[in-house]
Amino acid sequence: MNAKLFKVIAAVYTFRQIFHNWADVNVIKILRSLVPALRHDARILVHDLILPDPGKLPLSHDRQIRCVKSHLSRYIVG
């Protein structure tokens, strides 16, 4: 049996709902620590919710998106 049969080498790394609670400096550290393990054709996908700074949107829209984010936080773990 070929020993490489069970060797896993990922070409895509997905970070879902991970970075939104981390400071930018820590996110950079996390991503940089991944670089040595990346294949030359690897891709990194980041799926996260990014909210604008308070006051950048009309108040009604700002409240609506922050309310949705608050509700999602209750149901999404990780």
N, C-alpha and C. Protein backbone atom coordinates (compact mmCIF):
# COMPACT_ATOMS: atom_id res chain seq x y z
N MET A 1 0.85 -1.18 0.00
CA MET A 1 0.00 0.00 0.00
C MET A 1 0.90 1.24 0.00
N ASN A 2 0.51 2.20 -0.76
CA ASN A 2 1.25 3.45 -0.85
C ASN A 2 1.04 4.28 0.41
N ALA A 3 2.13 4.66 1.06
CA ALA A 3 2.03 5.43 2.32
C ALA A 3 1.41 6.81 2.10
N LYS A 4 1.50 7.34 0.90
CA LYS A 4 0.94 8.67 0.61
C LYS A 4 -0.58 8.65 0.47
N LEU A 5 -1.16 7.48 0.47
CA LEU A 5 -2.60 7.38 0.32
C LEU A 5 -3.35 8.16 1.39
N PHE A 6 -2.82 8.19 2.62
CA PHE A 6 -3.50 8.83 3.72
C PHE A 6 -2.90 10.18 4.10
N LYS A 7 -1.93 10.63 3.34
CA LYS A 7 -1.33 11.93 3.63
C LYS A 7 -2.25 13.04 3.11
N VAL A 8 -2.63 13.93 3.98
CA VAL A 8 -3.54 15.01 3.61
C VAL A 8 -2.74 16.29 3.39
N ILE A 9 -2.88 16.84 2.22
CA ILE A 9 -2.25 18.12 1.90
C ILE A 9 -3.36 19.01 1.37
N ALA A 10 -3.72 20.01 2.12
CA ALA A 10 -4.84 20.87 1.74
C ALA A 10 -4.41 21.94 0.76
N ALA A 11 -5.26 22.19 -0.21
CA ALA A 11 -5.02 23.27 -1.16
C ALA A 11 -5.88 24.48 -0.79
N VAL A 12 -6.89 24.26 0.05
CA VAL A 12 -7.77 25.35 0.46
C VAL A 12 -7.93 25.30 1.97
N TYR A 13 -7.69 26.43 2.61
CA TYR A 13 -7.88 26.58 4.05
C TYR A 13 -9.02 27.56 4.26
N THR A 14 -10.02 27.15 5.00
CA THR A 14 -11.19 27.99 5.22
C THR A 14 -11.25 28.42 6.68
N PHE A 15 -11.41 29.71 6.89
CA PHE A 15 -11.59 30.27 8.23
C PHE A 15 -12.99 30.87 8.25
N ARG A 16 -13.91 30.21 8.95
CA ARG A 16 -15.30 30.67 8.99
C ARG A 16 -15.63 31.17 10.39
N GLN A 17 -16.02 32.43 10.45
CA GLN A 17 -16.41 33.06 11.71
C GLN A 17 -15.31 32.91 12.76
N ILE A 18 -14.07 33.18 12.37
CA ILE A 18 -12.93 33.04 13.26
C ILE A 18 -12.35 34.40 13.65
N PHE A 19 -12.13 35.23 12.68
CA PHE A 19 -11.31 36.42 12.89
C PHE A 19 -12.06 37.64 13.43
N HIS A 20 -13.37 37.62 13.44
CA HIS A 20 -14.12 38.83 13.81
C HIS A 20 -13.89 39.29 15.25
N ASN A 21 -13.50 38.40 16.13
CA ASN A 21 -13.26 38.79 17.52
C ASN A 21 -11.77 38.93 17.87
N TRP A 22 -10.91 38.87 16.86
CA TRP A 22 -9.48 38.98 17.08
C TRP A 22 -8.98 40.34 16.61
N ALA A 23 -8.00 40.86 17.30
CA ALA A 23 -7.36 42.11 16.87
C ALA A 23 -6.60 41.82 15.57
N ASP A 24 -6.50 42.83 14.72
CA ASP A 24 -5.82 42.67 13.44
C ASP A 24 -4.42 42.09 13.58
N VAL A 25 -3.70 42.55 14.59
CA VAL A 25 -2.32 42.07 14.78
C VAL A 25 -2.30 40.56 15.04
N ASN A 26 -3.28 40.03 15.74
CA ASN A 26 -3.35 38.60 16.01
C ASN A 26 -3.78 37.80 14.78
N VAL A 27 -4.69 38.37 13.99
CA VAL A 27 -5.10 37.72 12.75
C VAL A 27 -3.90 37.58 11.82
N ILE A 28 -3.10 38.62 11.74
CA ILE A 28 -1.89 38.58 10.90
C ILE A 28 -0.95 37.49 11.39
N LYS A 29 -0.78 37.36 12.70
CA LYS A 29 0.08 36.30 13.26
C LYS A 29 -0.45 34.92 12.89
N ILE A 30 -1.76 34.74 13.00
CA ILE A 30 -2.38 33.45 12.67
C ILE A 30 -2.12 33.10 11.21
N LEU A 31 -2.38 34.05 10.33
CA LEU A 31 -2.21 33.78 8.91
C LEU A 31 -0.75 33.58 8.53
N ARG A 32 0.13 34.34 9.12
CA ARG A 32 1.56 34.16 8.84
C ARG A 32 2.07 32.81 9.32
N SER A 33 1.51 32.31 10.41
CA SER A 33 1.95 31.01 10.92
C SER A 33 1.51 29.88 9.99
N LEU A 34 0.52 30.13 9.17
CA LEU A 34 0.03 29.14 8.21
C LEU A 34 0.92 29.05 6.98
N VAL A 35 1.61 30.12 6.64
CA VAL A 35 2.39 30.20 5.41
C VAL A 35 3.36 29.03 5.21
N PRO A 36 4.13 28.61 6.21
CA PRO A 36 5.07 27.50 5.98
C PRO A 36 4.39 26.19 5.54
N ALA A 37 3.13 26.01 5.89
CA ALA A 37 2.42 24.77 5.55
C ALA A 37 1.73 24.85 4.20
N LEU A 38 1.66 26.02 3.60
CA LEU A 38 0.92 26.19 2.35
C LEU A 38 1.65 25.60 1.15
N ARG A 39 0.88 24.96 0.30
CA ARG A 39 1.42 24.54 -0.99
C ARG A 39 1.49 25.77 -1.89
N HIS A 40 2.22 25.66 -2.97
CA HIS A 40 2.37 26.81 -3.87
C HIS A 40 1.05 27.22 -4.50
N ASP A 41 0.10 26.28 -4.62
CA ASP A 41 -1.20 26.59 -5.24
C ASP A 41 -2.33 26.73 -4.21
N ALA A 42 -1.98 26.83 -2.95
CA ALA A 42 -2.99 26.90 -1.89
C ALA A 42 -3.75 28.23 -1.90
N ARG A 43 -4.94 28.17 -1.39
CA ARG A 43 -5.79 29.35 -1.26
C ARG A 43 -6.31 29.43 0.17
N ILE A 44 -6.52 30.65 0.64
CA ILE A 44 -7.10 30.88 1.96
C ILE A 44 -8.42 31.60 1.76
N LEU A 45 -9.48 31.03 2.31
CA LEU A 45 -10.81 31.63 2.24
C LEU A 45 -11.20 32.11 3.63
N VAL A 46 -11.62 33.36 3.71
CA VAL A 46 -12.07 33.93 4.97
C VAL A 46 -13.54 34.27 4.83
N HIS A 47 -14.37 33.64 5.66
CA HIS A 47 -15.80 33.89 5.65
C HIS A 47 -16.16 34.46 7.01
N ASP A 48 -16.36 35.76 7.06
CA ASP A 48 -16.61 36.41 8.33
C ASP A 48 -17.50 37.63 8.10
N LEU A 49 -18.07 38.11 9.15
CA LEU A 49 -18.93 39.28 9.10
C LEU A 49 -18.12 40.51 9.50
N ILE A 50 -18.11 41.49 8.62
CA ILE A 50 -17.38 42.73 8.89
C ILE A 50 -18.40 43.86 8.95
N LEU A 51 -18.43 44.52 10.07
CA LEU A 51 -19.37 45.64 10.24
C LEU A 51 -18.63 46.96 10.12
N PRO A 52 -19.30 47.95 9.54
CA PRO A 52 -18.69 49.28 9.50
C PRO A 52 -18.63 49.89 10.89
N ASP A 53 -17.79 50.86 11.07
CA ASP A 53 -17.73 51.56 12.35
C ASP A 53 -19.08 52.19 12.66
N PRO A 54 -19.45 52.22 13.95
CA PRO A 54 -20.72 52.87 14.32
C PRO A 54 -20.76 54.30 13.82
N GLY A 55 -21.91 54.69 13.30
CA GLY A 55 -22.09 56.06 12.82
C GLY A 55 -21.79 56.24 11.35
N LYS A 56 -21.29 55.22 10.69
CA LYS A 56 -20.97 55.32 9.26
C LYS A 56 -22.20 55.12 8.38
N LEU A 57 -23.21 54.46 8.90
CA LEU A 57 -24.44 54.20 8.16
C LEU A 57 -25.59 54.96 8.82
N PRO A 58 -26.69 55.15 8.09
CA PRO A 58 -27.87 55.72 8.74
C PRO A 58 -28.26 54.88 9.96
N LEU A 59 -28.75 55.51 11.00
CA LEU A 59 -29.02 54.85 12.27
C LEU A 59 -29.91 53.62 12.12
N SER A 60 -30.96 53.70 11.31
CA SER A 60 -31.88 52.56 11.17
C SER A 60 -31.17 51.36 10.56
N HIS A 61 -30.33 51.59 9.57
CA HIS A 61 -29.61 50.49 8.93
C HIS A 61 -28.54 49.94 9.86
N ASP A 62 -27.87 50.81 10.58
CA ASP A 62 -26.84 50.41 11.53
C ASP A 62 -27.44 49.50 12.60
N ARG A 63 -28.57 49.89 13.15
CA ARG A 63 -29.23 49.08 14.18
C ARG A 63 -29.63 47.72 13.63
N GLN A 64 -30.12 47.71 12.39
CA GLN A 64 -30.58 46.47 11.78
C GLN A 64 -29.43 45.48 11.62
N ILE A 65 -28.31 45.90 11.08
CA ILE A 65 -27.21 44.95 10.85
C ILE A 65 -26.56 44.51 12.17
N ARG A 66 -26.51 45.40 13.14
CA ARG A 66 -25.94 45.01 14.43
C ARG A 66 -26.87 44.05 15.19
N CYS A 67 -28.15 44.20 14.99
CA CYS A 67 -29.11 43.29 15.60
C CYS A 67 -28.95 41.90 14.98
N VAL A 68 -28.80 41.82 13.67
CA VAL A 68 -28.59 40.55 12.98
C VAL A 68 -27.31 39.90 13.48
N LYS A 69 -26.24 40.69 13.62
CA LYS A 69 -24.96 40.16 14.10
C LYS A 69 -25.12 39.61 15.51
N SER A 70 -25.88 40.31 16.34
CA SER A 70 -26.11 39.87 17.72
C SER A 70 -26.85 38.53 17.75
N HIS A 71 -27.84 38.39 16.90
CA HIS A 71 -28.60 37.14 16.84
C HIS A 71 -27.75 36.00 16.30
N LEU A 72 -26.94 36.27 15.28
CA LEU A 72 -26.07 35.24 14.72
C LEU A 72 -25.07 34.75 15.74
N SER A 73 -24.57 35.64 16.57
CA SER A 73 -23.57 35.27 17.57
C SER A 73 -24.12 34.23 18.55
N ARG A 74 -25.42 34.23 18.75
CA ARG A 74 -26.03 33.27 19.67
C ARG A 74 -26.08 31.87 19.09
N TYR A 75 -26.13 31.77 17.76
CA TYR A 75 -26.33 30.49 17.11
C TYR A 75 -25.09 29.92 16.45
N ILE A 76 -24.08 30.74 16.23
CA ILE A 76 -22.88 30.27 15.56
C ILE A 76 -21.79 30.07 16.61
N VAL A 77 -21.28 28.89 16.68
CA VAL A 77 -20.21 28.58 17.61
C VAL A 77 -18.92 28.45 16.81
N GLY A 78 -17.88 29.17 17.26
CA GLY A 78 -16.60 29.04 16.59
C GLY A 78 -16.25 30.16 15.71
